[in-house]
Every structure is written in structure tokens, then in C-alpha cells.
Amino acid sequence: MSTLKFEIRDITQVAYDAIVNAANKTLLGGGGVDGAIHAAAGPELLEECKKLNGCETGQAKLTKGYNLPSKYIIHTVGPVYSGSLEDKKQLENCYRNSLLLAKEHDLHRIAFSAISTGVYGYPLAEAAIVALNTTSNFLVDNDDYPMDILLTCYDNKVYDSYSDYIENYHGNNEYLKKLKY
């Protein structure tokens, strides 16, 4: 049986098959979680990323984890928030494409950062809805592929955005219903 959970964690300390980096289009490091992951992984990560020729918004690419406790890093580029419907589609694609890439590489334990919620300005409440719905729907749609998904929260505000959505959730997704404490 697959699992979905969220907790306040430093993603660079998570020992899973892969962590998901909220990268920029160059994949060459940046600020926020991207910079923290690059710093923790070491200089070999930058060298491998240089060979990937960047990444488009909503897409995902895989590298080794190097000095991180996780074996791999999935890099995905979230949308810079503009308030358009395209933002939501692109953010959904970040989560879905990261999970599809994990499945393609037979990875079963995946930890996500809160994609696009830092300098890219995606409102936390809206981003939480996309993260929780996209990941939980993936688990339902891929029930033959066991996966443990951790949505890491870099602070209480992110955590509260997930909690608020779950507290008010009235749908039928079994993974979201299990998150109600």
C-alpha cells in the first residue's frame, strides 16, 4: 500500500530514493531549496546538471544525489505565479512528471519540496491543493505501483496550508481522507 504524508523537514536530510528539487530552467542552482540542495549534494551535481541542457517548466529530469542521503534528485521547474490557469496546469505537471519519472526509474520513496512557493510566488493555499490532489490522484491511478510520497514543508506556513486543505477536504480520495487526524 502506498502512503502520502506531509511534515516539516529539511529536504536535504531526507533519506529516500529521490527528492524533488524546485529548480530553475538552467538547472545550475539558485536560491532557496535549489541552492540548498546543490550545496548539500556537492559540486558533482552542478557538473551533471550542466550536461542536461536545462529543463522546461512542468518537466522533470533525474540526476544522482551525490552527497545527499537520497540516491537521486528529480529536478522540476515550477511556474512563476501569474494567476493564470496555465500556472495550475504547469504546477500539476511538475508533480505528475516527477512521479512518472520516479516510476520509470523504479523509485518508490519520493520527497517533494513545496514547488514554486518561494521566490516564484505561488500562493501557499493554492499550491497545497495542487500538491495534495496531484500526488494523491497519482497514487490512486497507479495503485499497482507502491509509492511513499512525503511532501516536505520548509516552515509552519507551508505545513498549515496542507493542514487547512485536509481539514476541509470532503472528497473521496482515500489518501487524502487518511491524512485527517
N, C-alpha and C. Protein backbone atom coordinates (compact mmCIF):
# COMPACT_ATOMS: atom_id res chain seq x y z
N MET A 1 0.84 -1.19 0.00
CA MET A 1 0.00 0.00 0.00
C MET A 1 0.88 1.25 0.00
N SER A 2 0.53 2.17 -0.81
CA SER A 2 1.26 3.43 -0.89
C SER A 2 0.88 4.35 0.26
N THR A 3 1.72 5.37 0.51
CA THR A 3 1.42 6.34 1.55
C THR A 3 1.67 7.75 1.03
N LEU A 4 0.96 8.68 1.64
CA LEU A 4 1.14 10.10 1.37
C LEU A 4 1.13 10.81 2.71
N LYS A 5 2.14 11.65 2.95
CA LYS A 5 2.17 12.41 4.19
C LYS A 5 2.90 13.73 3.95
N PHE A 6 2.73 14.64 4.90
CA PHE A 6 3.46 15.90 4.85
C PHE A 6 3.97 16.22 6.24
N GLU A 7 5.15 16.81 6.29
CA GLU A 7 5.74 17.18 7.58
C GLU A 7 6.81 18.24 7.38
N ILE A 8 7.10 18.95 8.46
CA ILE A 8 8.16 19.96 8.42
C ILE A 8 9.50 19.21 8.44
N ARG A 9 10.24 19.33 7.36
CA ARG A 9 11.51 18.61 7.22
C ARG A 9 12.44 19.41 6.34
N ASP A 10 13.72 19.26 6.57
CA ASP A 10 14.75 19.78 5.68
C ASP A 10 14.93 18.71 4.61
N ILE A 11 14.53 19.02 3.39
CA ILE A 11 14.56 18.01 2.33
C ILE A 11 15.97 17.48 2.07
N THR A 12 16.99 18.27 2.38
CA THR A 12 18.36 17.80 2.15
C THR A 12 18.77 16.72 3.14
N GLN A 13 17.95 16.50 4.17
CA GLN A 13 18.24 15.47 5.18
C GLN A 13 17.39 14.22 5.01
N VAL A 14 16.51 14.20 4.01
CA VAL A 14 15.60 13.08 3.81
C VAL A 14 16.33 11.95 3.07
N ALA A 15 16.27 10.75 3.63
CA ALA A 15 16.92 9.58 3.01
C ALA A 15 15.86 8.73 2.30
N TYR A 16 15.47 9.16 1.10
CA TYR A 16 14.50 8.45 0.28
C TYR A 16 15.20 8.03 -1.01
N ASP A 17 14.46 7.36 -1.89
CA ASP A 17 15.03 7.01 -3.20
C ASP A 17 15.36 8.29 -3.97
N ALA A 18 14.48 9.28 -3.86
CA ALA A 18 14.71 10.55 -4.56
C ALA A 18 14.03 11.69 -3.83
N ILE A 19 14.64 12.87 -3.94
CA ILE A 19 13.99 14.10 -3.50
C ILE A 19 13.71 14.92 -4.75
N VAL A 20 12.69 15.76 -4.68
CA VAL A 20 12.33 16.58 -5.82
C VAL A 20 12.74 18.02 -5.54
N ASN A 21 13.58 18.53 -6.41
CA ASN A 21 14.13 19.88 -6.31
C ASN A 21 13.26 20.85 -7.11
N ALA A 22 12.89 21.95 -6.50
CA ALA A 22 12.21 23.04 -7.20
C ALA A 22 13.31 23.87 -7.87
N ALA A 23 13.64 23.49 -9.09
CA ALA A 23 14.78 24.05 -9.80
C ALA A 23 14.36 25.24 -10.66
N ASN A 24 15.38 25.92 -11.22
CA ASN A 24 15.10 26.92 -12.25
C ASN A 24 15.42 26.28 -13.61
N LYS A 25 15.10 26.97 -14.70
CA LYS A 25 15.21 26.38 -16.03
C LYS A 25 16.64 25.99 -16.41
N THR A 26 17.65 26.62 -15.80
CA THR A 26 19.03 26.28 -16.16
C THR A 26 19.49 24.99 -15.50
N LEU A 27 18.87 24.63 -14.36
CA LEU A 27 19.27 23.51 -13.51
C LEU A 27 20.65 23.70 -12.89
N LEU A 28 21.15 24.92 -12.91
CA LEU A 28 22.52 25.17 -12.44
C LEU A 28 22.57 25.74 -11.02
N GLY A 29 21.52 25.53 -10.26
CA GLY A 29 21.47 26.02 -8.89
C GLY A 29 20.85 27.40 -8.83
N GLY A 30 20.50 27.80 -7.64
CA GLY A 30 19.87 29.11 -7.45
C GLY A 30 19.71 29.37 -5.98
N GLY A 31 18.63 30.02 -5.61
CA GLY A 31 18.36 30.31 -4.21
C GLY A 31 17.44 29.28 -3.61
N GLY A 32 17.01 29.53 -2.40
CA GLY A 32 16.03 28.69 -1.74
C GLY A 32 16.42 27.23 -1.68
N VAL A 33 15.44 26.36 -1.88
CA VAL A 33 15.67 24.92 -1.79
C VAL A 33 16.65 24.45 -2.87
N ASP A 34 16.60 25.05 -4.04
CA ASP A 34 17.50 24.69 -5.13
C ASP A 34 18.96 24.90 -4.70
N GLY A 35 19.26 26.05 -4.13
CA GLY A 35 20.61 26.33 -3.67
C GLY A 35 21.02 25.41 -2.53
N ALA A 36 20.08 25.13 -1.63
CA ALA A 36 20.37 24.24 -0.50
C ALA A 36 20.69 22.82 -0.98
N ILE A 37 19.93 22.35 -1.96
CA ILE A 37 20.17 21.00 -2.50
C ILE A 37 21.51 20.95 -3.21
N HIS A 38 21.80 21.94 -4.03
CA HIS A 38 23.10 21.98 -4.73
C HIS A 38 24.25 22.02 -3.73
N ALA A 39 24.12 22.84 -2.68
CA ALA A 39 25.18 22.96 -1.68
C ALA A 39 25.39 21.63 -0.94
N ALA A 40 24.30 20.98 -0.58
CA ALA A 40 24.40 19.72 0.17
C ALA A 40 24.88 18.56 -0.70
N ALA A 41 24.51 18.57 -1.98
CA ALA A 41 24.89 17.47 -2.87
C ALA A 41 26.36 17.54 -3.26
N GLY A 42 26.90 18.75 -3.33
CA GLY A 42 28.31 18.91 -3.70
C GLY A 42 28.48 19.30 -5.16
N PRO A 43 29.71 19.61 -5.56
CA PRO A 43 29.98 20.15 -6.89
C PRO A 43 29.71 19.18 -8.04
N GLU A 44 29.68 17.89 -7.75
CA GLU A 44 29.40 16.92 -8.82
C GLU A 44 28.00 17.11 -9.40
N LEU A 45 27.07 17.57 -8.55
CA LEU A 45 25.70 17.80 -9.03
C LEU A 45 25.69 18.86 -10.12
N LEU A 46 26.38 19.96 -9.90
CA LEU A 46 26.44 21.02 -10.90
C LEU A 46 27.02 20.50 -12.21
N GLU A 47 28.06 19.68 -12.12
CA GLU A 47 28.69 19.13 -13.33
C GLU A 47 27.71 18.26 -14.10
N GLU A 48 26.93 17.43 -13.40
CA GLU A 48 25.94 16.59 -14.09
C GLU A 48 24.82 17.46 -14.67
N CYS A 49 24.38 18.47 -13.93
CA CYS A 49 23.30 19.34 -14.41
C CYS A 49 23.70 20.11 -15.67
N LYS A 50 24.95 20.47 -15.79
CA LYS A 50 25.43 21.17 -16.98
C LYS A 50 25.20 20.35 -18.24
N LYS A 51 25.21 19.04 -18.12
CA LYS A 51 25.05 18.13 -19.27
C LYS A 51 23.58 17.93 -19.66
N LEU A 52 22.65 18.42 -18.82
CA LEU A 52 21.22 18.18 -19.07
C LEU A 52 20.57 19.24 -19.95
N ASN A 53 21.28 20.30 -20.25
CA ASN A 53 20.76 21.37 -21.11
C ASN A 53 19.46 21.98 -20.62
N GLY A 54 19.36 22.17 -19.31
CA GLY A 54 18.20 22.85 -18.74
C GLY A 54 16.96 21.99 -18.70
N CYS A 55 15.85 22.63 -18.35
CA CYS A 55 14.57 21.92 -18.19
C CYS A 55 13.45 22.94 -18.36
N GLU A 56 12.42 22.55 -19.08
CA GLU A 56 11.28 23.44 -19.29
C GLU A 56 10.31 23.37 -18.10
N THR A 57 9.54 24.42 -17.94
CA THR A 57 8.54 24.49 -16.87
C THR A 57 7.58 23.30 -16.98
N GLY A 58 7.38 22.63 -15.85
CA GLY A 58 6.47 21.48 -15.79
C GLY A 58 7.13 20.15 -16.09
N GLN A 59 8.34 20.18 -16.60
CA GLN A 59 9.04 18.94 -16.92
C GLN A 59 9.92 18.52 -15.75
N ALA A 60 10.54 17.35 -15.86
CA ALA A 60 11.38 16.82 -14.78
C ALA A 60 12.56 16.06 -15.36
N LYS A 61 13.71 16.18 -14.69
CA LYS A 61 14.92 15.46 -15.08
C LYS A 61 15.57 14.86 -13.83
N LEU A 62 16.29 13.76 -14.03
CA LEU A 62 16.86 12.99 -12.93
C LEU A 62 18.38 13.11 -12.91
N THR A 63 18.93 13.28 -11.70
CA THR A 63 20.39 13.22 -11.50
C THR A 63 20.66 12.34 -10.28
N LYS A 64 21.91 12.03 -10.10
CA LYS A 64 22.34 11.35 -8.87
C LYS A 64 22.21 12.31 -7.70
N GLY A 65 22.18 11.76 -6.49
CA GLY A 65 22.06 12.58 -5.28
C GLY A 65 23.40 13.00 -4.69
N TYR A 66 24.48 12.35 -5.13
CA TYR A 66 25.83 12.66 -4.65
C TYR A 66 25.92 12.63 -3.13
N ASN A 67 26.21 13.74 -2.48
CA ASN A 67 26.43 13.75 -1.03
C ASN A 67 25.15 13.81 -0.20
N LEU A 68 24.00 13.78 -0.84
CA LEU A 68 22.72 13.77 -0.12
C LEU A 68 22.41 12.37 0.38
N PRO A 69 21.59 12.24 1.42
CA PRO A 69 21.20 10.90 1.87
C PRO A 69 20.28 10.19 0.87
N SER A 70 19.63 10.92 -0.02
CA SER A 70 18.80 10.31 -1.06
C SER A 70 19.67 9.97 -2.27
N LYS A 71 19.32 8.86 -2.92
CA LYS A 71 20.13 8.36 -4.03
C LYS A 71 20.04 9.24 -5.28
N TYR A 72 18.86 9.82 -5.51
CA TYR A 72 18.62 10.62 -6.71
C TYR A 72 17.96 11.95 -6.37
N ILE A 73 18.07 12.86 -7.34
CA ILE A 73 17.35 14.13 -7.29
C ILE A 73 16.54 14.24 -8.57
N ILE A 74 15.26 14.51 -8.42
CA ILE A 74 14.42 14.83 -9.58
C ILE A 74 14.28 16.34 -9.58
N HIS A 75 14.70 16.96 -10.66
CA HIS A 75 14.64 18.42 -10.79
C HIS A 75 13.41 18.76 -11.62
N THR A 76 12.58 19.63 -11.10
CA THR A 76 11.42 20.09 -11.85
C THR A 76 11.34 21.60 -11.75
N VAL A 77 10.85 22.22 -12.80
CA VAL A 77 10.78 23.68 -12.87
C VAL A 77 9.32 24.10 -12.75
N GLY A 78 9.01 24.73 -11.63
CA GLY A 78 7.65 25.19 -11.40
C GLY A 78 7.39 26.51 -12.09
N PRO A 79 6.12 26.86 -12.21
CA PRO A 79 5.76 28.13 -12.83
C PRO A 79 6.03 29.32 -11.91
N VAL A 80 6.39 30.44 -12.51
CA VAL A 80 6.40 31.71 -11.78
C VAL A 80 4.94 32.15 -11.75
N TYR A 81 4.41 32.36 -10.55
CA TYR A 81 2.97 32.60 -10.40
C TYR A 81 2.53 33.89 -11.10
N SER A 82 1.49 33.74 -11.93
CA SER A 82 0.91 34.89 -12.62
C SER A 82 -0.59 35.01 -12.36
N GLY A 83 -1.17 33.98 -11.77
CA GLY A 83 -2.61 33.98 -11.53
C GLY A 83 -3.41 33.37 -12.66
N SER A 84 -2.73 32.86 -13.68
CA SER A 84 -3.44 32.27 -14.83
C SER A 84 -3.74 30.80 -14.60
N LEU A 85 -4.66 30.26 -15.40
CA LEU A 85 -4.98 28.83 -15.33
C LEU A 85 -3.78 28.00 -15.74
N GLU A 86 -2.93 28.55 -16.58
CA GLU A 86 -1.73 27.84 -17.03
C GLU A 86 -0.80 27.54 -15.85
N ASP A 87 -0.77 28.41 -14.85
CA ASP A 87 0.06 28.17 -13.66
C ASP A 87 -0.30 26.83 -13.02
N LYS A 88 -1.60 26.61 -12.83
CA LYS A 88 -2.06 25.38 -12.18
C LYS A 88 -1.68 24.17 -13.01
N LYS A 89 -1.89 24.23 -14.31
CA LYS A 89 -1.54 23.10 -15.19
C LYS A 89 -0.05 22.80 -15.12
N GLN A 90 0.76 23.85 -15.13
CA GLN A 90 2.21 23.64 -15.08
C GLN A 90 2.64 23.07 -13.73
N LEU A 91 2.03 23.53 -12.64
CA LEU A 91 2.39 23.00 -11.33
C LEU A 91 1.95 21.54 -11.20
N GLU A 92 0.75 21.23 -11.70
CA GLU A 92 0.31 19.83 -11.72
C GLU A 92 1.30 18.97 -12.50
N ASN A 93 1.77 19.50 -13.65
CA ASN A 93 2.74 18.76 -14.46
C ASN A 93 4.04 18.51 -13.70
N CYS A 94 4.47 19.47 -12.88
CA CYS A 94 5.69 19.28 -12.08
C CYS A 94 5.56 18.04 -11.21
N TYR A 95 4.46 17.95 -10.48
CA TYR A 95 4.27 16.81 -9.59
C TYR A 95 4.08 15.52 -10.38
N ARG A 96 3.21 15.54 -11.39
CA ARG A 96 2.91 14.34 -12.17
C ARG A 96 4.16 13.84 -12.91
N ASN A 97 4.87 14.74 -13.59
CA ASN A 97 6.04 14.32 -14.35
C ASN A 97 7.17 13.83 -13.45
N SER A 98 7.29 14.41 -12.26
CA SER A 98 8.28 13.92 -11.30
C SER A 98 7.94 12.50 -10.86
N LEU A 99 6.66 12.24 -10.60
CA LEU A 99 6.24 10.91 -10.19
C LEU A 99 6.37 9.90 -11.32
N LEU A 100 6.05 10.31 -12.53
CA LEU A 100 6.22 9.41 -13.68
C LEU A 100 7.69 9.07 -13.90
N LEU A 101 8.56 10.06 -13.73
CA LEU A 101 10.00 9.82 -13.87
C LEU A 101 10.49 8.87 -12.77
N ALA A 102 9.99 9.05 -11.57
CA ALA A 102 10.34 8.14 -10.47
C ALA A 102 9.91 6.71 -10.80
N LYS A 103 8.69 6.58 -11.28
CA LYS A 103 8.17 5.25 -11.64
C LYS A 103 9.00 4.63 -12.76
N GLU A 104 9.34 5.43 -13.75
CA GLU A 104 10.15 4.96 -14.88
C GLU A 104 11.50 4.41 -14.41
N HIS A 105 12.03 4.97 -13.33
CA HIS A 105 13.33 4.54 -12.79
C HIS A 105 13.20 3.61 -11.58
N ASP A 106 11.98 3.10 -11.35
CA ASP A 106 11.71 2.14 -10.29
C ASP A 106 12.05 2.70 -8.90
N LEU A 107 11.71 3.96 -8.68
CA LEU A 107 11.91 4.62 -7.40
C LEU A 107 10.57 4.63 -6.65
N HIS A 108 10.60 4.25 -5.37
CA HIS A 108 9.35 4.07 -4.63
C HIS A 108 9.16 5.03 -3.46
N ARG A 109 10.21 5.73 -3.04
CA ARG A 109 10.09 6.66 -1.91
C ARG A 109 10.55 8.04 -2.39
N ILE A 110 9.61 8.97 -2.50
CA ILE A 110 9.86 10.28 -3.10
C ILE A 110 9.47 11.38 -2.13
N ALA A 111 10.36 12.37 -1.96
CA ALA A 111 10.07 13.53 -1.11
C ALA A 111 10.07 14.78 -1.98
N PHE A 112 9.01 15.55 -1.89
CA PHE A 112 8.87 16.79 -2.65
C PHE A 112 9.15 18.00 -1.80
N SER A 113 9.76 19.01 -2.41
CA SER A 113 9.78 20.34 -1.82
C SER A 113 8.46 21.01 -2.22
N ALA A 114 8.15 22.15 -1.63
CA ALA A 114 6.92 22.88 -1.95
C ALA A 114 7.18 23.72 -3.21
N ILE A 115 6.97 23.11 -4.35
CA ILE A 115 7.35 23.68 -5.64
C ILE A 115 6.66 25.01 -5.91
N SER A 116 7.45 25.99 -6.33
CA SER A 116 7.00 27.33 -6.75
C SER A 116 6.52 28.23 -5.63
N THR A 117 6.64 27.81 -4.37
CA THR A 117 6.09 28.61 -3.27
C THR A 117 7.07 29.61 -2.69
N GLY A 118 8.30 29.58 -3.13
CA GLY A 118 9.29 30.54 -2.64
C GLY A 118 9.30 31.79 -3.51
N VAL A 119 10.43 32.06 -4.14
CA VAL A 119 10.56 33.28 -4.95
C VAL A 119 9.65 33.27 -6.18
N TYR A 120 9.14 32.09 -6.57
CA TYR A 120 8.23 32.03 -7.72
C TYR A 120 6.82 32.48 -7.35
N GLY A 121 6.56 32.69 -6.05
CA GLY A 121 5.36 33.40 -5.60
C GLY A 121 4.04 32.68 -5.65
N TYR A 122 4.03 31.36 -5.80
CA TYR A 122 2.75 30.64 -5.86
C TYR A 122 2.12 30.69 -4.47
N PRO A 123 0.87 31.14 -4.35
CA PRO A 123 0.23 31.21 -3.04
C PRO A 123 0.17 29.84 -2.37
N LEU A 124 0.53 29.80 -1.10
CA LEU A 124 0.64 28.53 -0.39
C LEU A 124 -0.64 27.71 -0.42
N ALA A 125 -1.78 28.33 -0.19
CA ALA A 125 -3.04 27.58 -0.15
C ALA A 125 -3.34 26.93 -1.50
N GLU A 126 -3.11 27.67 -2.58
CA GLU A 126 -3.36 27.12 -3.92
C GLU A 126 -2.35 26.04 -4.27
N ALA A 127 -1.09 26.24 -3.90
CA ALA A 127 -0.05 25.26 -4.18
C ALA A 127 -0.31 23.97 -3.39
N ALA A 128 -0.80 24.09 -2.16
CA ALA A 128 -1.10 22.90 -1.35
C ALA A 128 -2.18 22.05 -2.01
N ILE A 129 -3.20 22.69 -2.55
CA ILE A 129 -4.28 21.97 -3.22
C ILE A 129 -3.72 21.19 -4.41
N VAL A 130 -2.90 21.84 -5.21
CA VAL A 130 -2.31 21.17 -6.38
C VAL A 130 -1.42 20.01 -5.93
N ALA A 131 -0.56 20.25 -4.95
CA ALA A 131 0.37 19.21 -4.49
C ALA A 131 -0.39 17.99 -3.95
N LEU A 132 -1.34 18.24 -3.07
CA LEU A 132 -2.07 17.13 -2.45
C LEU A 132 -2.96 16.40 -3.45
N ASN A 133 -3.67 17.12 -4.29
CA ASN A 133 -4.55 16.46 -5.26
C ASN A 133 -3.77 15.69 -6.32
N THR A 134 -2.71 16.30 -6.83
CA THR A 134 -1.96 15.64 -7.91
C THR A 134 -1.26 14.38 -7.40
N THR A 135 -0.63 14.47 -6.24
CA THR A 135 0.08 13.29 -5.71
C THR A 135 -0.90 12.19 -5.30
N SER A 136 -1.99 12.56 -4.64
CA SER A 136 -2.95 11.53 -4.20
C SER A 136 -3.65 10.89 -5.40
N ASN A 137 -3.96 11.66 -6.42
CA ASN A 137 -4.58 11.09 -7.62
C ASN A 137 -3.61 10.16 -8.34
N PHE A 138 -2.33 10.51 -8.34
CA PHE A 138 -1.33 9.64 -8.96
C PHE A 138 -1.31 8.28 -8.24
N LEU A 139 -1.36 8.31 -6.92
CA LEU A 139 -1.35 7.06 -6.15
C LEU A 139 -2.57 6.20 -6.48
N VAL A 140 -3.74 6.82 -6.60
CA VAL A 140 -4.96 6.09 -6.95
C VAL A 140 -4.83 5.51 -8.36
N ASP A 141 -4.37 6.33 -9.30
CA ASP A 141 -4.27 5.90 -10.70
C ASP A 141 -3.19 4.86 -10.93
N ASN A 142 -2.22 4.78 -10.01
CA ASN A 142 -1.11 3.83 -10.14
C ASN A 142 -1.08 2.89 -8.94
N ASP A 143 -2.25 2.34 -8.60
CA ASP A 143 -2.36 1.51 -7.39
C ASP A 143 -1.58 0.21 -7.48
N ASP A 144 -1.10 -0.14 -8.67
CA ASP A 144 -0.27 -1.34 -8.83
C ASP A 144 1.21 -1.05 -8.58
N TYR A 145 1.54 0.22 -8.32
CA TYR A 145 2.92 0.62 -8.11
C TYR A 145 3.04 1.26 -6.73
N PRO A 146 3.55 0.53 -5.73
CA PRO A 146 3.63 1.09 -4.38
C PRO A 146 4.61 2.26 -4.31
N MET A 147 4.17 3.33 -3.69
CA MET A 147 5.00 4.53 -3.58
C MET A 147 4.69 5.23 -2.27
N ASP A 148 5.75 5.70 -1.62
CA ASP A 148 5.61 6.52 -0.42
C ASP A 148 6.02 7.94 -0.80
N ILE A 149 5.09 8.86 -0.64
CA ILE A 149 5.32 10.25 -1.01
C ILE A 149 5.31 11.11 0.26
N LEU A 150 6.37 11.89 0.41
CA LEU A 150 6.47 12.85 1.50
C LEU A 150 6.50 14.25 0.91
N LEU A 151 5.57 15.08 1.34
CA LEU A 151 5.58 16.49 0.96
C LEU A 151 6.27 17.24 2.09
N THR A 152 7.49 17.69 1.85
CA THR A 152 8.21 18.39 2.90
C THR A 152 7.76 19.84 2.98
N CYS A 153 7.70 20.34 4.18
CA CYS A 153 7.30 21.72 4.44
C CYS A 153 8.50 22.43 5.05
N TYR A 154 8.91 23.54 4.47
CA TYR A 154 10.08 24.24 4.99
C TYR A 154 9.76 25.10 6.21
N ASP A 155 8.48 25.32 6.50
CA ASP A 155 8.11 26.07 7.70
C ASP A 155 6.65 25.80 8.06
N ASN A 156 6.21 26.40 9.17
CA ASN A 156 4.84 26.19 9.64
C ASN A 156 3.80 26.71 8.66
N LYS A 157 4.11 27.76 7.91
CA LYS A 157 3.14 28.31 6.96
C LYS A 157 2.80 27.29 5.88
N VAL A 158 3.83 26.62 5.37
CA VAL A 158 3.60 25.59 4.35
C VAL A 158 2.82 24.43 4.97
N TYR A 159 3.25 23.99 6.14
CA TYR A 159 2.57 22.90 6.83
C TYR A 159 1.09 23.24 7.05
N ASP A 160 0.83 24.44 7.52
CA ASP A 160 -0.55 24.87 7.78
C ASP A 160 -1.38 24.93 6.50
N SER A 161 -0.76 25.25 5.38
CA SER A 161 -1.52 25.29 4.12
C SER A 161 -1.98 23.87 3.74
N TYR A 162 -1.14 22.87 3.97
CA TYR A 162 -1.55 21.48 3.73
C TYR A 162 -2.62 21.07 4.74
N SER A 163 -2.40 21.37 6.01
CA SER A 163 -3.36 21.00 7.07
C SER A 163 -4.73 21.62 6.82
N ASP A 164 -4.74 22.89 6.44
CA ASP A 164 -6.02 23.58 6.20
C ASP A 164 -6.80 22.91 5.08
N TYR A 165 -6.12 22.52 4.02
CA TYR A 165 -6.81 21.85 2.92
C TYR A 165 -7.37 20.50 3.38
N ILE A 166 -6.57 19.74 4.10
CA ILE A 166 -7.00 18.42 4.55
C ILE A 166 -8.18 18.55 5.53
N GLU A 167 -8.13 19.52 6.43
CA GLU A 167 -9.23 19.70 7.39
C GLU A 167 -10.55 19.98 6.69
N ASN A 168 -10.50 20.63 5.54
CA ASN A 168 -11.72 20.99 4.81
C ASN A 168 -11.99 20.08 3.63
N TYR A 169 -11.25 18.98 3.52
CA TYR A 169 -11.41 18.06 2.39
C TYR A 169 -12.63 17.18 2.60
N HIS A 170 -13.50 17.11 1.59
CA HIS A 170 -14.70 16.28 1.67
C HIS A 170 -14.84 15.36 0.48
N GLY A 171 -13.75 15.13 -0.25
CA GLY A 171 -13.79 14.27 -1.43
C GLY A 171 -13.64 12.80 -1.07
N ASN A 172 -13.41 11.99 -2.10
CA ASN A 172 -13.37 10.55 -1.93
C ASN A 172 -11.98 9.94 -2.03
N ASN A 173 -10.95 10.75 -2.23
CA ASN A 173 -9.61 10.19 -2.38
C ASN A 173 -9.17 9.59 -1.05
N GLU A 174 -8.91 8.27 -1.06
CA GLU A 174 -8.58 7.56 0.18
C GLU A 174 -7.31 8.07 0.84
N TYR A 175 -6.34 8.53 0.03
CA TYR A 175 -5.09 9.01 0.61
C TYR A 175 -5.29 10.34 1.34
N LEU A 176 -6.14 11.19 0.80
CA LEU A 176 -6.41 12.47 1.46
C LEU A 176 -7.29 12.26 2.70
N LYS A 177 -8.21 11.33 2.61
CA LYS A 177 -9.07 11.04 3.78
C LYS A 177 -8.25 10.50 4.94
N LYS A 178 -7.19 9.72 4.64
CA LYS A 178 -6.32 9.17 5.69
C LYS A 178 -5.49 10.24 6.37
N LEU A 179 -5.28 11.37 5.72
CA LEU A 179 -4.49 12.45 6.29
C LEU A 179 -5.22 13.23 7.37
N LYS A 180 -6.55 13.07 7.43
CA LYS A 180 -7.31 13.75 8.50
C LYS A 180 -6.96 13.10 9.82
N TYR A 181 -6.49 13.87 10.74
CA TYR A 181 -6.04 13.29 12.02
C TYR A 181 -7.16 13.19 13.03
